[in-house]
Amino acid sequence: MIFGGIMAELKEVDRLTKVCGNEAVLYDEKGLKEYVVDGKRPRVACFPDTIEKVCRIMEVVQRSHLLVIPRGGGTRVSLGALSSGYDMALCLQRLNAFVEHDAGNFSASAQAGMTLKDFQEQLKAKGQFLPLDPPFAERSTLGGITAANSWGPHRLLYGSARDLVIGIKAVLPGGNVISSGAKTAKQVAGYDLTKLFIGAIGTLGVIVEVGMRLVSLPEARATVTCRFSNLKEIREALRSPLLVRRRPAALAVVRHFAPAEKVWLIAISFVGIEEVVEESVGVAEGVFSQPPREAELLSDTQAAIFWEKIARLAVAGDDEVVLEVAVPIASTLGMISAVEKILALDRKKATLAAHPGLGIINIRFPFGEKGVEGTLDIIRRVRRLAHRRGGSVEIESAPAEVKDIINVWGTEPDGLDIMRRLKERFDPSGVLSPGRFVGRI
């Protein structure tokens, strides 16, 4: 049996090498450590540079029943439940060509492995950009952003990937290519494939090309920050009639629970016509700057660094847990207050980053302080608080021993049966990211 297993594995590697070339197939154990997901290491990693090669790889996958996790830059690889198996990492960084920029229709498309940073560079010459600001733009790929439905602080104005992706091309197990959305020749009757693939973390097909809706580069940008001594003061500031009439592009409330850090930070971003932005900045400074508080207007460079740091608070570092709490917008500040009590008591190094205009709160804390049981206790308590307010909590990142015990997605959504039927329709063999999506799909 052992000999037979080794021979089968050698045949698989040989088939993949014929498709991709020797330099694009990795099966060295040491090299494969980079592609570990939730403690599981794949048996092989492939790096195709054309859609045709992805199709041929997926033919091998179907024939040999290899369990595959597609990946881009690896920035959101911790998202999802534990995979029921992991034979191949299908790495798409080399599939990175810029396809088309239709400036007149404010749209552009590129292959899935193109990074967000490179995509923005292509658009800049015509005064346009993709208004998504997830962290690590130099590593985040368009395919990964789409698969994870990624977003950043400026989602308040522009939305998430779900609002901006207008078309996809994907490869299914067996090698068939399907397309959906704007400027595509082939549609599949009965399904809005574009929406189905966004946020599905690679469970339906391998995204190989993405079409995006663009906007014009804004005439002006500005960010105002201010430190507050307590949450009550922030609540009063955000309810100011003067501020409520403004339309910010981003709004964040942050607290680091550390011995030397006992203040809250609020940040607000405005983009648009210069005159309107300047007026909005004046309003924000007036509302925030109540003695002894003093608002600060950041330079463009400072603002870019600041918002990148805020975006990164939603991504776990080594030995960390990240939760994403979603509640009705009107309940956000109340939820922040309730979560504050838990974190202040139990976590000395936790961070809370809230987006009051979205009803979203990211909580990040070290795993090592209390281990599995302490971590599960925190998650369950936060979930109870969210459920009372009609909300939910997803575990964005956690060690495998935590994911093995608790449902990372929280309460199973309505329509789960439909989702399972879609999985059976597109991936009947169950080889793509098996078990990682909602309901262990």
Protein backbone atom coordinates (compact mmCIF):
# COMPACT_ATOMS: atom_id res chain seq x y z
CA MET A 1 0.00 0.00 0.00
CA ILE A 2 2.80 2.39 0.88
CA PHE A 3 4.60 1.61 -2.39
CA GLY A 4 1.37 2.09 -4.35
CA GLY A 5 0.76 5.46 -2.69
CA ILE A 6 4.28 6.64 -3.51
CA MET A 7 3.92 5.55 -7.14
CA ALA A 8 0.58 7.36 -7.47
CA GLU A 9 2.11 10.52 -6.04
CA LEU A 10 5.05 10.32 -8.45
CA LYS A 11 2.63 9.98 -11.37
CA GLU A 12 0.73 13.06 -10.21
CA VAL A 13 3.93 15.10 -9.94
CA ASP A 14 5.00 13.89 -13.38
CA ARG A 15 1.67 14.93 -14.91
CA LEU A 16 1.83 18.35 -13.27
CA THR A 17 5.44 18.84 -14.36
CA LYS A 18 4.46 18.12 -17.96
CA VAL A 19 1.77 20.80 -17.71
CA CYS A 20 3.70 23.54 -15.90
CA GLY A 21 7.38 22.74 -16.39
CA ASN A 22 9.90 21.68 -13.75
CA GLU A 23 10.41 25.19 -12.39
CA ALA A 24 6.67 25.68 -11.75
CA VAL A 25 6.05 22.59 -9.62
CA LEU A 26 7.27 22.42 -6.03
CA TYR A 27 7.26 19.18 -4.08
CA ASP A 28 10.19 19.73 -1.74
CA GLU A 29 9.00 19.41 1.87
CA LYS A 30 11.09 22.32 3.08
CA GLY A 31 9.82 24.63 0.34
CA LEU A 32 6.22 23.58 0.91
CA LYS A 33 6.28 24.91 4.48
CA GLU A 34 5.51 28.35 3.04
CA TYR A 35 2.14 27.04 1.84
CA VAL A 36 0.92 25.53 5.10
CA VAL A 37 -2.74 26.30 5.86
CA ASP A 38 -4.02 25.74 9.40
CA GLY A 39 -1.11 23.46 10.16
CA LYS A 40 -1.56 21.33 7.03
CA ARG A 41 1.18 21.17 4.42
CA PRO A 42 0.33 20.32 0.80
CA ARG A 43 2.06 17.52 -1.08
CA VAL A 44 2.72 19.76 -4.06
CA ALA A 45 2.45 23.40 -5.14
CA CYS A 46 1.88 24.53 -8.73
CA PHE A 47 2.57 27.96 -10.24
CA PRO A 48 0.81 28.24 -13.63
CA ASP A 49 1.37 31.35 -15.75
CA THR A 50 -1.46 30.89 -18.27
CA ILE A 51 -5.16 30.11 -18.02
CA GLU A 52 -4.59 27.10 -20.29
CA LYS A 53 -2.19 25.64 -17.72
CA VAL A 54 -4.73 26.18 -14.95
CA CYS A 55 -7.25 24.24 -17.05
CA ARG A 56 -4.83 21.37 -17.56
CA ILE A 57 -3.93 21.33 -13.86
CA MET A 58 -7.63 21.10 -13.00
CA GLU A 59 -7.94 18.15 -15.38
CA VAL A 60 -5.24 16.37 -13.35
CA VAL A 61 -6.96 17.43 -10.13
CA GLN A 62 -10.24 15.88 -11.25
CA ARG A 63 -8.63 12.71 -12.58
CA SER A 64 -6.50 12.10 -9.48
CA HIS A 65 -8.99 13.58 -6.97
CA LEU A 66 -6.43 15.98 -5.53
CA LEU A 67 -7.74 18.34 -2.85
CA VAL A 68 -6.77 21.88 -3.81
CA ILE A 69 -6.60 25.26 -2.08
CA PRO A 70 -6.13 28.13 -4.57
CA ARG A 71 -4.12 31.10 -3.31
CA GLY A 72 -2.89 34.49 -4.40
CA GLY A 73 -0.57 36.48 -2.18
CA GLY A 74 -1.49 34.48 0.92
CA THR A 75 -2.67 37.54 2.90
CA ARG A 76 -6.06 35.98 3.78
CA VAL A 77 -5.12 32.32 3.81
CA SER A 78 -6.19 32.00 7.46
CA LEU A 79 -9.81 32.74 6.53
CA GLY A 80 -12.15 29.76 6.67
CA ALA A 81 -12.74 26.53 8.54
CA LEU A 82 -10.27 23.66 8.66
CA SER A 83 -9.88 21.95 5.31
CA SER A 84 -10.83 18.28 5.23
CA GLY A 85 -7.76 17.67 3.07
CA TYR A 86 -4.98 19.53 1.30
CA ASP A 87 -2.96 17.94 -1.49
CA MET A 88 -2.12 20.93 -3.69
CA ALA A 89 -1.51 24.64 -3.29
CA LEU A 90 -2.54 26.23 -6.59
CA CYS A 91 -0.55 29.47 -6.57
CA LEU A 92 -1.66 32.11 -9.07
CA GLN A 93 0.94 34.88 -8.62
CA ARG A 94 2.41 34.17 -12.08
CA LEU A 95 -0.98 34.56 -13.73
CA ASN A 96 -0.70 38.33 -13.53
CA ALA A 97 -1.29 39.98 -16.92
CA PHE A 98 -3.20 43.25 -17.24
CA VAL A 99 -6.00 42.51 -19.73
CA GLU A 100 -7.92 45.69 -20.54
CA HIS A 101 -8.69 49.22 -19.35
CA ASP A 102 -11.90 50.73 -20.71
CA ALA A 103 -11.52 54.19 -19.21
CA GLY A 104 -14.67 55.50 -20.88
CA ASN A 105 -16.79 52.91 -19.10
CA PHE A 106 -14.76 53.06 -15.87
CA SER A 107 -13.85 49.38 -15.97
CA ALA A 108 -10.71 47.29 -16.20
CA SER A 109 -9.78 43.63 -16.05
CA ALA A 110 -6.68 41.65 -15.18
CA GLN A 111 -5.66 38.11 -14.44
CA ALA A 112 -6.18 36.89 -10.91
CA GLY A 113 -2.53 36.96 -9.85
CA MET A 114 -1.99 40.67 -10.49
CA THR A 115 -1.43 42.53 -7.23
CA LEU A 116 -3.63 45.42 -6.23
CA LYS A 117 -0.61 47.73 -6.23
CA ASP A 118 0.33 46.82 -9.82
CA PHE A 119 -3.30 47.13 -10.94
CA GLN A 120 -3.53 50.64 -9.47
CA GLU A 121 -0.34 51.64 -11.28
CA GLN A 122 -1.89 50.62 -14.61
CA LEU A 123 -4.97 52.76 -13.94
CA LYS A 124 -3.25 55.87 -12.62
CA ALA A 125 -2.22 57.22 -16.04
CA LYS A 126 -5.88 57.76 -16.97
CA GLY A 127 -6.83 59.29 -13.65
CA GLN A 128 -8.72 56.30 -12.30
CA PHE A 129 -8.34 53.77 -9.51
CA LEU A 130 -9.97 50.76 -7.91
CA PRO A 131 -11.38 52.06 -4.60
CA LEU A 132 -10.47 49.05 -2.50
CA ASP A 133 -7.94 49.40 0.31
CA PRO A 134 -7.37 46.01 1.93
CA PRO A 135 -3.99 45.67 3.64
CA PHE A 136 -0.80 44.58 1.90
CA ALA A 137 -1.61 45.96 -1.57
CA GLU A 138 1.84 44.88 -2.75
CA ARG A 139 0.90 41.23 -2.04
CA SER A 140 -2.90 41.09 -2.24
CA THR A 141 -4.01 39.78 -5.64
CA LEU A 142 -7.22 40.57 -7.48
CA GLY A 143 -8.25 36.93 -7.38
CA GLY A 144 -7.61 36.66 -3.66
CA ILE A 145 -9.41 39.93 -2.96
CA THR A 146 -12.42 38.63 -4.90
CA ALA A 147 -12.39 35.18 -3.31
CA ALA A 148 -12.26 36.69 0.20
CA ASN A 149 -14.56 39.66 -0.52
CA SER A 150 -11.82 41.84 0.90
CA TRP A 151 -12.22 45.48 1.88
CA GLY A 152 -10.52 48.22 3.83
CA PRO A 153 -11.44 51.28 5.90
CA HIS A 154 -12.79 53.21 2.89
CA ARG A 155 -15.53 50.63 2.38
CA LEU A 156 -17.80 53.19 4.05
CA LEU A 157 -17.86 55.21 0.82
CA TYR A 158 -16.85 52.74 -1.87
CA GLY A 159 -17.98 49.31 -0.69
CA SER A 160 -16.24 45.93 -0.67
CA ALA A 161 -15.16 43.63 -3.49
CA ARG A 162 -18.78 42.51 -3.80
CA ASP A 163 -19.72 46.05 -4.83
CA LEU A 164 -16.86 46.54 -7.30
CA VAL A 165 -16.28 43.22 -9.08
CA ILE A 166 -18.29 43.27 -12.32
CA GLY A 167 -17.06 40.10 -14.00
CA ILE A 168 -15.11 36.92 -13.39
CA LYS A 169 -13.58 34.09 -15.36
CA ALA A 170 -13.02 30.85 -13.46
CA VAL A 171 -11.81 27.31 -14.09
CA LEU A 172 -13.79 24.40 -12.68
CA PRO A 173 -12.54 20.95 -11.70
CA GLY A 174 -12.04 19.07 -14.95
CA GLY A 175 -10.75 22.16 -16.74
CA ASN A 176 -13.89 23.86 -18.03
CA VAL A 177 -13.80 27.68 -18.14
CA ILE A 178 -16.87 29.72 -17.20
CA SER A 179 -17.38 33.48 -17.37
CA SER A 180 -19.94 35.87 -16.00
CA GLY A 181 -20.57 39.58 -15.79
CA ALA A 182 -19.56 42.52 -17.93
CA LYS A 183 -17.95 42.01 -21.33
CA THR A 184 -18.06 38.24 -21.30
CA ALA A 185 -19.15 36.01 -24.15
CA LYS A 186 -20.36 33.04 -22.13
CA GLN A 187 -23.03 33.13 -19.44
CA VAL A 188 -24.50 30.30 -17.38
CA ALA A 189 -28.28 30.49 -17.28
CA GLY A 190 -29.88 30.67 -13.85
CA TYR A 191 -26.89 31.90 -11.85
CA ASP A 192 -25.29 35.26 -11.18
CA LEU A 193 -21.83 33.73 -11.16
CA THR A 194 -20.05 36.96 -10.40
CA LYS A 195 -21.75 37.29 -7.01
CA LEU A 196 -21.47 33.57 -6.28
CA PHE A 197 -17.70 33.53 -6.55
CA ILE A 198 -17.13 36.68 -4.47
CA GLY A 199 -16.37 35.64 -0.90
CA ALA A 200 -16.59 31.90 -1.62
CA ILE A 201 -12.86 31.45 -0.75
CA GLY A 202 -12.18 29.25 -3.75
CA THR A 203 -14.80 26.59 -3.04
CA LEU A 204 -16.64 26.84 -6.39
CA GLY A 205 -13.85 27.34 -8.90
CA VAL A 206 -10.42 28.84 -9.47
CA ILE A 207 -10.78 32.52 -10.33
CA VAL A 208 -8.38 33.34 -13.17
CA GLU A 209 -9.55 36.77 -14.35
CA VAL A 210 -11.45 39.61 -12.72
CA GLY A 211 -13.25 42.67 -14.09
CA MET A 212 -13.51 45.70 -11.80
CA ARG A 213 -15.57 48.88 -11.66
CA LEU A 214 -13.39 51.98 -11.28
CA VAL A 215 -13.78 55.57 -10.10
CA SER A 216 -11.89 58.78 -10.82
CA LEU A 217 -8.98 59.71 -8.61
CA PRO A 218 -10.34 62.25 -6.11
CA GLU A 219 -9.35 65.88 -6.34
CA ALA A 220 -8.57 65.99 -2.63
CA ARG A 221 -8.16 63.69 0.37
CA ALA A 222 -7.88 64.49 4.06
CA THR A 223 -7.75 62.59 7.35
CA VAL A 224 -8.42 64.04 10.78
CA THR A 225 -7.58 62.14 13.98
CA CYS A 226 -8.17 62.85 17.64
CA ARG A 227 -7.58 61.09 20.96
CA PHE A 228 -10.46 60.69 23.40
CA SER A 229 -10.31 59.63 27.03
CA ASN A 230 -13.46 57.51 26.92
CA LEU A 231 -16.13 56.07 24.67
CA LYS A 232 -18.84 58.42 25.96
CA GLU A 233 -16.99 61.41 24.48
CA ILE A 234 -16.72 59.61 21.13
CA ARG A 235 -20.44 58.86 21.16
CA GLU A 236 -21.21 62.55 21.73
CA ALA A 237 -18.85 63.63 18.94
CA LEU A 238 -20.27 61.19 16.39
CA ARG A 239 -23.80 62.32 17.19
CA SER A 240 -22.96 65.96 16.55
CA PRO A 241 -25.51 67.35 14.03
CA LEU A 242 -22.68 69.16 12.25
CA LEU A 243 -20.75 65.91 11.68
CA VAL A 244 -23.79 63.78 10.88
CA ARG A 245 -24.47 65.90 7.79
CA ARG A 246 -21.02 65.11 6.37
CA ARG A 247 -20.28 62.06 4.21
CA PRO A 248 -16.95 60.56 5.27
CA ALA A 249 -15.09 58.03 3.17
CA ALA A 250 -13.82 56.21 6.25
CA LEU A 251 -14.49 56.35 9.97
CA ALA A 252 -12.60 54.31 12.55
CA VAL A 253 -12.54 54.05 16.33
CA VAL A 254 -9.51 52.26 17.78
CA ARG A 255 -8.29 51.22 21.19
CA HIS A 256 -5.17 49.29 22.14
CA PHE A 257 -5.61 47.50 25.46
CA ALA A 258 -2.10 47.89 26.84
CA PRO A 259 -0.93 49.17 30.24
CA ALA A 260 0.37 52.44 28.80
CA GLU A 261 -2.51 52.95 26.31
CA LYS A 262 -5.73 54.09 27.98
CA VAL A 263 -7.15 56.35 25.29
CA TRP A 264 -9.39 55.91 22.29
CA LEU A 265 -8.45 57.15 18.84
CA ILE A 266 -10.99 58.32 16.30
CA ALA A 267 -10.11 58.93 12.64
CA ILE A 268 -12.24 60.28 9.83
CA SER A 269 -11.39 60.51 6.13
CA PHE A 270 -12.92 62.72 3.46
CA VAL A 271 -12.39 62.51 -0.31
CA GLY A 272 -13.80 64.48 -3.22
CA ILE A 273 -13.87 68.08 -4.44
CA GLU A 274 -11.22 70.15 -2.68
CA GLU A 275 -13.59 72.84 -1.43
CA VAL A 276 -15.99 70.28 0.07
CA VAL A 277 -13.16 68.30 1.67
CA GLU A 278 -11.70 71.44 3.26
CA GLU A 279 -15.12 72.36 4.65
CA SER A 280 -15.62 68.85 6.05
CA VAL A 281 -12.18 68.93 7.68
CA GLY A 282 -13.08 72.20 9.39
CA VAL A 283 -16.27 70.67 10.75
CA ALA A 284 -14.48 67.55 12.05
CA GLU A 285 -11.74 69.61 13.70
CA GLY A 286 -14.35 71.81 15.36
CA VAL A 287 -16.33 68.85 16.71
CA PHE A 288 -13.30 66.88 17.90
CA SER A 289 -11.21 69.74 19.35
CA GLN A 290 -12.92 70.31 22.67
CA PRO A 291 -10.32 71.14 25.38
CA PRO A 292 -8.21 69.35 26.38
CA ARG A 293 -8.63 67.40 23.14
CA GLU A 294 -6.94 68.61 19.99
CA ALA A 295 -7.60 67.22 16.52
CA GLU A 296 -4.76 66.57 14.09
CA LEU A 297 -4.87 66.88 10.30
CA LEU A 298 -2.57 64.25 8.80
CA SER A 299 -0.38 64.82 5.76
CA ASP A 300 -1.09 62.62 2.72
CA THR A 301 1.86 60.38 3.60
CA GLN A 302 0.83 60.14 7.24
CA ALA A 303 -2.74 59.35 6.23
CA ALA A 304 -1.70 56.55 3.85
CA ILE A 305 0.43 54.95 6.56
CA PHE A 306 -2.30 55.39 9.16
CA TRP A 307 -5.09 53.76 7.14
CA GLU A 308 -2.81 50.89 6.15
CA LYS A 309 -2.21 50.25 9.85
CA ILE A 310 -5.95 50.30 10.49
CA ALA A 311 -6.53 47.82 7.66
CA ARG A 312 -3.83 45.52 9.03
CA LEU A 313 -5.56 45.35 12.42
CA ALA A 314 -8.04 42.98 10.76
CA VAL A 315 -5.25 40.53 9.86
CA ALA A 316 -3.63 38.27 12.44
CA GLY A 317 0.05 38.26 13.19
CA ASP A 318 1.88 35.27 14.62
CA ASP A 319 0.00 33.54 17.45
CA GLU A 320 -3.01 35.88 17.26
CA VAL A 321 -6.77 35.56 16.98
CA VAL A 322 -8.91 37.95 14.91
CA LEU A 323 -12.70 38.20 15.17
CA GLU A 324 -15.02 40.19 12.91
CA VAL A 325 -18.17 41.34 14.65
CA ALA A 326 -21.09 42.57 12.54
CA VAL A 327 -24.07 44.27 14.19
CA PRO A 328 -26.75 46.73 13.05
CA ILE A 329 -25.13 50.14 12.58
CA ALA A 330 -27.25 51.68 15.34
CA SER A 331 -25.90 49.07 17.79
CA THR A 332 -22.21 49.55 16.98
CA LEU A 333 -21.25 51.89 19.81
CA GLY A 334 -23.17 49.82 22.34
CA MET A 335 -21.39 46.70 21.12
CA ILE A 336 -18.04 48.46 21.36
CA SER A 337 -18.78 49.35 24.98
CA ALA A 338 -19.76 45.76 25.82
CA VAL A 339 -16.69 44.30 24.11
CA GLU A 340 -14.47 46.86 25.85
CA LYS A 341 -15.43 45.41 29.23
CA ILE A 342 -14.41 41.91 28.15
CA LEU A 343 -11.10 42.97 26.64
CA ALA A 344 -10.17 45.34 29.47
CA LEU A 345 -10.60 42.52 31.98
CA ASP A 346 -9.09 39.64 30.05
CA ARG A 347 -6.61 40.93 27.51
CA LYS A 348 -3.68 43.21 28.16
CA LYS A 349 -2.53 43.34 24.53
CA ALA A 350 -5.82 43.23 22.65
CA THR A 351 -6.81 45.71 19.96
CA LEU A 352 -10.30 46.82 18.99
CA ALA A 353 -10.80 48.54 15.64
CA ALA A 354 -14.38 49.55 14.90
CA HIS A 355 -16.01 51.00 11.80
CA PRO A 356 -19.15 52.65 13.23
CA GLY A 357 -20.59 53.54 9.83
CA LEU A 358 -20.50 49.89 8.79
CA GLY A 359 -21.50 48.14 12.01
CA ILE A 360 -18.23 46.18 11.94
CA ILE A 361 -15.76 45.67 14.79
CA ASN A 362 -12.47 43.82 14.45
CA ILE A 363 -11.03 42.32 17.63
CA ARG A 364 -7.46 41.08 17.68
CA PHE A 365 -5.74 39.44 20.65
CA PRO A 366 -2.87 37.07 21.48
CA PHE A 367 -3.71 33.38 21.57
CA GLY A 368 -0.89 32.40 23.89
CA GLU A 369 -2.10 34.27 26.98
CA LYS A 370 -4.98 31.90 27.73
CA GLY A 371 -4.69 29.09 25.22
CA VAL A 372 -7.60 27.20 23.70
CA GLU A 373 -10.10 27.36 26.56
CA GLY A 374 -9.51 31.03 27.30
CA THR A 375 -9.80 31.89 23.61
CA LEU A 376 -13.02 29.91 23.21
CA ASP A 377 -14.45 31.69 26.25
CA ILE A 378 -13.73 35.10 24.70
CA ILE A 379 -15.28 34.08 21.37
CA ARG A 380 -18.43 32.68 22.99
CA ARG A 381 -18.93 35.74 25.18
CA VAL A 382 -18.52 38.11 22.24
CA ARG A 383 -20.92 36.01 20.16
CA ARG A 384 -23.57 36.15 22.88
CA LEU A 385 -23.27 39.94 22.97
CA ALA A 386 -23.56 40.17 19.18
CA HIS A 387 -26.53 37.79 18.97
CA ARG A 388 -28.46 39.87 21.51
CA ARG A 389 -28.09 42.81 19.14
CA GLY A 390 -29.06 40.86 16.04
CA GLY A 391 -25.46 40.47 14.89
CA SER A 392 -22.88 37.78 14.24
CA VAL A 393 -19.20 36.99 14.81
CA GLU A 394 -16.84 35.31 12.35
CA ILE A 395 -13.42 34.03 13.31
CA GLU A 396 -11.15 35.59 10.71
CA SER A 397 -8.04 33.89 12.03
CA ALA A 398 -7.26 31.44 14.84
CA PRO A 399 -4.97 28.48 15.55
CA ALA A 400 -6.13 25.14 14.17
CA GLU A 401 -6.85 23.78 17.65
CA VAL A 402 -9.46 26.52 18.12
CA LYS A 403 -11.00 26.04 14.67
CA ASP A 404 -11.25 22.32 15.36
CA ILE A 405 -13.68 22.96 18.23
CA ILE A 406 -15.81 25.96 17.25
CA ASN A 407 -17.64 26.99 14.08
CA VAL A 408 -15.55 29.80 12.60
CA TRP A 409 -18.49 31.16 10.57
CA GLY A 410 -20.92 31.35 13.49
CA THR A 411 -24.62 30.70 12.99
CA GLU A 412 -25.34 28.92 9.73
CA PRO A 413 -27.19 31.23 7.34
CA ASP A 414 -30.57 30.77 5.69
CA GLY A 415 -30.21 29.26 2.26
CA LEU A 416 -27.46 26.82 3.23
CA ASP A 417 -29.18 24.06 1.24
CA ILE A 418 -28.97 26.23 -1.88
CA MET A 419 -25.28 26.85 -1.22
CA ARG A 420 -24.68 23.11 -0.95
CA ARG A 421 -26.47 22.49 -4.25
CA LEU A 422 -24.32 25.13 -5.92
CA LYS A 423 -21.21 23.42 -4.57
CA GLU A 424 -22.42 20.12 -6.02
CA ARG A 425 -23.15 21.84 -9.33
CA PHE A 426 -19.73 23.43 -9.75
CA ASP A 427 -17.50 21.03 -7.78
CA PRO A 428 -19.31 17.66 -7.60
CA SER A 429 -16.14 15.84 -6.54
CA GLY A 430 -15.54 18.25 -3.65
CA VAL A 431 -11.88 18.90 -4.49
CA LEU A 432 -11.78 22.71 -4.10
CA SER A 433 -11.04 24.08 -0.62
CA PRO A 434 -13.04 21.19 0.89
CA GLY A 435 -14.76 21.98 4.18
CA ARG A 436 -13.50 25.56 4.45
CA PHE A 437 -16.67 27.50 3.65
CA VAL A 438 -19.91 28.01 5.58
CA GLY A 439 -21.57 24.74 6.59
CA ARG A 440 -18.30 22.86 5.95
CA ILE A 441 -18.92 23.19 2.21
